[in-house]
Structure formats: C-alpha cells, structure tokens
C-alpha atoms as a PDB file:
ATOM      1  CA  UNK A   1     -59.923 -14.221 -46.642  1.00  0.00           C
ATOM      2  CA  UNK A   2     -62.772 -15.163 -44.294  1.00  0.00           C
ATOM      3  CA  UNK A   3     -65.728 -13.399 -43.849  1.00  0.00           C
ATOM      4  CA  UNK A   4     -64.728 -12.434 -40.222  1.00  0.00           C
ATOM      5  CA  UNK A   5     -61.210 -11.199 -41.318  1.00  0.00           C
ATOM      6  CA  UNK A   6     -62.701  -8.973 -43.990  1.00  0.00           C
ATOM      7  CA  UNK A   7     -64.939  -7.386 -41.542  1.00  0.00           C
ATOM      8  CA  UNK A   8     -62.026  -6.767 -39.200  1.00  0.00           C
ATOM      9  CA  UNK A   9     -60.139  -5.266 -42.171  1.00  0.00           C
ATOM     10  CA  UNK A  10     -63.113  -2.768 -42.788  1.00  0.00           C
ATOM     11  CA  UNK A  11     -63.377  -1.929 -39.007  1.00  0.00           C
ATOM     12  CA  UNK A  12     -59.637  -1.201 -38.855  1.00  0.00           C
ATOM     13  CA  UNK A  13     -59.977   1.196 -42.109  1.00  0.00           C
ATOM     14  CA  UNK A  14     -62.667   2.863 -40.578  1.00  0.00           C
ATOM     15  CA  UNK A  15     -60.979   3.468 -37.307  1.00  0.00           C
ATOM     16  CA  UNK A  16     -58.178   4.663 -39.458  1.00  0.00           C
ATOM     17  CA  UNK A  17     -59.885   7.286 -41.398  1.00  0.00           C
ATOM     18  CA  UNK A  18     -61.690   8.493 -37.941  1.00  0.00           C
ATOM     19  CA  UNK A  19     -58.543   8.821 -36.230  1.00  0.00           C
ATOM     20  CA  UNK A  20     -56.522  10.461 -39.348  1.00  0.00           C
ATOM     21  CA  UNK A  21     -59.323  12.792 -39.372  1.00  0.00           C
ATOM     22  CA  UNK A  22     -59.026  13.932 -35.793  1.00  0.00           C
ATOM     23  CA  UNK A  23     -55.128  13.982 -35.759  1.00  0.00           C
ATOM     24  CA  UNK A  24     -54.343  15.432 -39.178  1.00  0.00           C
ATOM     25  CA  UNK A  25     -51.986  18.233 -39.025  1.00  0.00           C
ATOM     26  CA  UNK A  26     -50.804  17.196 -35.507  1.00  0.00           C
ATOM     27  CA  UNK A  27     -49.279  13.666 -36.468  1.00  0.00           C
ATOM     28  CA  UNK A  28     -47.934  12.245 -40.051  1.00  0.00           C
ATOM     29  CA  UNK A  29     -50.639   9.860 -41.362  1.00  0.00           C
ATOM     30  CA  UNK A  30     -48.389   7.044 -41.680  1.00  0.00           C
ATOM     31  CA  UNK A  31     -47.804   7.370 -37.789  1.00  0.00           C
ATOM     32  CA  UNK A  32     -51.514   7.243 -37.149  1.00  0.00           C
ATOM     33  CA  UNK A  33     -51.870   4.381 -39.460  1.00  0.00           C
ATOM     34  CA  UNK A  34     -49.104   2.419 -37.770  1.00  0.00           C
ATOM     35  CA  UNK A  35     -50.554   3.178 -34.443  1.00  0.00           C
ATOM     36  CA  UNK A  36     -54.067   1.710 -35.603  1.00  0.00           C
ATOM     37  CA  UNK A  37     -52.515  -1.371 -37.060  1.00  0.00           C
ATOM     38  CA  UNK A  38     -50.319  -1.781 -33.963  1.00  0.00           C
ATOM     39  CA  UNK A  39     -53.261  -1.317 -31.723  1.00  0.00           C
ATOM     40  CA  UNK A  40     -55.230  -4.007 -33.808  1.00  0.00           C
ATOM     41  CA  UNK A  41     -52.662  -6.623 -33.314  1.00  0.00           C
ATOM     42  CA  UNK A  42     -52.454  -5.972 -29.579  1.00  0.00           C
ATOM     43  CA  UNK A  43     -56.199  -6.364 -29.152  1.00  0.00           C
ATOM     44  CA  UNK A  44     -56.392  -9.555 -31.200  1.00  0.00           C
ATOM     45  CA  UNK A  45     -57.637 -12.438 -29.206  1.00  0.00           C
ATOM     46  CA  UNK A  46     -58.125 -10.185 -26.196  1.00  0.00           C
ATOM     47  CA  UNK A  47     -61.575  -8.773 -26.820  1.00  0.00           C
ATOM     48  CA  UNK A  48     -64.811 -10.027 -28.226  1.00  0.00           C
ATOM     49  CA  UNK A  49     -64.835  -9.574 -32.003  1.00  0.00           C
ATOM     50  CA  UNK A  50     -67.946  -7.523 -32.048  1.00  0.00           C
ATOM     51  CA  UNK A  51     -66.282  -4.863 -29.661  1.00  0.00           C
ATOM     52  CA  UNK A  52     -63.205  -4.319 -31.965  1.00  0.00           C
ATOM     53  CA  UNK A  53     -64.462  -1.034 -33.512  1.00  0.00           C
ATOM     54  CA  UNK A  54     -65.064   0.587 -30.000  1.00  0.00           C
ATOM     55  CA  UNK A  55     -61.844  -0.710 -28.540  1.00  0.00           C
ATOM     56  CA  UNK A  56     -59.731   0.018 -31.433  1.00  0.00           C
ATOM     57  CA  UNK A  57     -60.810   3.627 -31.427  1.00  0.00           C
ATOM     58  CA  UNK A  58     -60.505   4.110 -27.625  1.00  0.00           C
ATOM     59  CA  UNK A  59     -57.132   2.403 -27.514  1.00  0.00           C
ATOM     60  CA  UNK A  60     -55.764   3.987 -30.499  1.00  0.00           C
ATOM     61  CA  UNK A  61     -57.090   7.472 -29.572  1.00  0.00           C
ATOM     62  CA  UNK A  62     -55.553   7.092 -26.300  1.00  0.00           C
ATOM     63  CA  UNK A  63     -52.158   6.274 -27.705  1.00  0.00           C
ATOM     64  CA  UNK A  64     -51.961   8.945 -30.277  1.00  0.00           C
ATOM     65  CA  UNK A  65     -53.066  11.418 -27.593  1.00  0.00           C
ATOM     66  CA  UNK A  66     -50.062  10.079 -25.258  1.00  0.00           C
ATOM     67  CA  UNK A  67     -47.648  10.677 -28.584  1.00  0.00           C
ATOM     68  CA  UNK A  68     -48.558  14.390 -28.652  1.00  0.00           C
ATOM     69  CA  UNK A  69     -48.800  14.784 -24.761  1.00  0.00           C
ATOM     70  CA  UNK A  70     -45.299  13.200 -24.138  1.00  0.00           C
ATOM     71  CA  UNK A  71     -43.435  14.761 -27.173  1.00  0.00           C
ATOM     72  CA  UNK A  72     -45.491  17.041 -29.319  1.00  0.00           C
ATOM     73  CA  UNK A  73     -42.446  18.004 -31.362  1.00  0.00           C
ATOM     74  CA  UNK A  74     -40.655  14.501 -31.390  1.00  0.00           C
ATOM     75  CA  UNK A  75     -42.099  11.349 -32.766  1.00  0.00           C
ATOM     76  CA  UNK A  76     -42.440   8.745 -30.135  1.00  0.00           C
ATOM     77  CA  UNK A  77     -42.493   5.210 -31.479  1.00  0.00           C
ATOM     78  CA  UNK A  78     -44.854   2.433 -29.805  1.00  0.00           C
ATOM     79  CA  UNK A  79     -43.098  -0.897 -29.689  1.00  0.00           C
ATOM     80  CA  UNK A  80     -44.177  -3.140 -32.347  1.00  0.00           C
ATOM     81  CA  UNK A  81     -46.816  -5.669 -31.423  1.00  0.00           C
ATOM     82  CA  UNK A  82     -45.947  -9.221 -30.907  1.00  0.00           C
END
C-alpha cells in the first residue's frame, strides 16, 4: 500500500463516519458505506487527490439525500461503479 492510497483510505473512512452520523436512523449503515465507497470509485482519476475529502463528502451526501427524497421507505440502489 502506498502512502497516497493509505491517505485516501483514511479520507474515505472519515467521510463515511461523518455521513453515517448525519444519516443514521434514516438509512442503514451498510447502504451509507456502499454509497461512500462507490462514490470514491466514481471520483478516482477525475479530481485532484487533495480534493478527495471535500468532493467525496459533497457527492456522497447528495446521493444519500437523493435516496431519501426519491424513496424514503424503499431502498434505491446506486449502480456499481465501473
């Protein structure tokens, strides 16, 4: 594991904890984790590495809000990345 990938993993974990705190009780933890990890894959290679935390939080949060807005009582699946 490189220093860069280790740092990215830390950022993903941190954003996951933050969003889990925000969406706890409204979405299952497994769904929040899946959205964060899928979003990370979608962002890979598309943004500057130093922007990962902010972009992951913004896009992940938007996706989780969309899930709640579209179907608050039904789980909506975001397609798997690549």
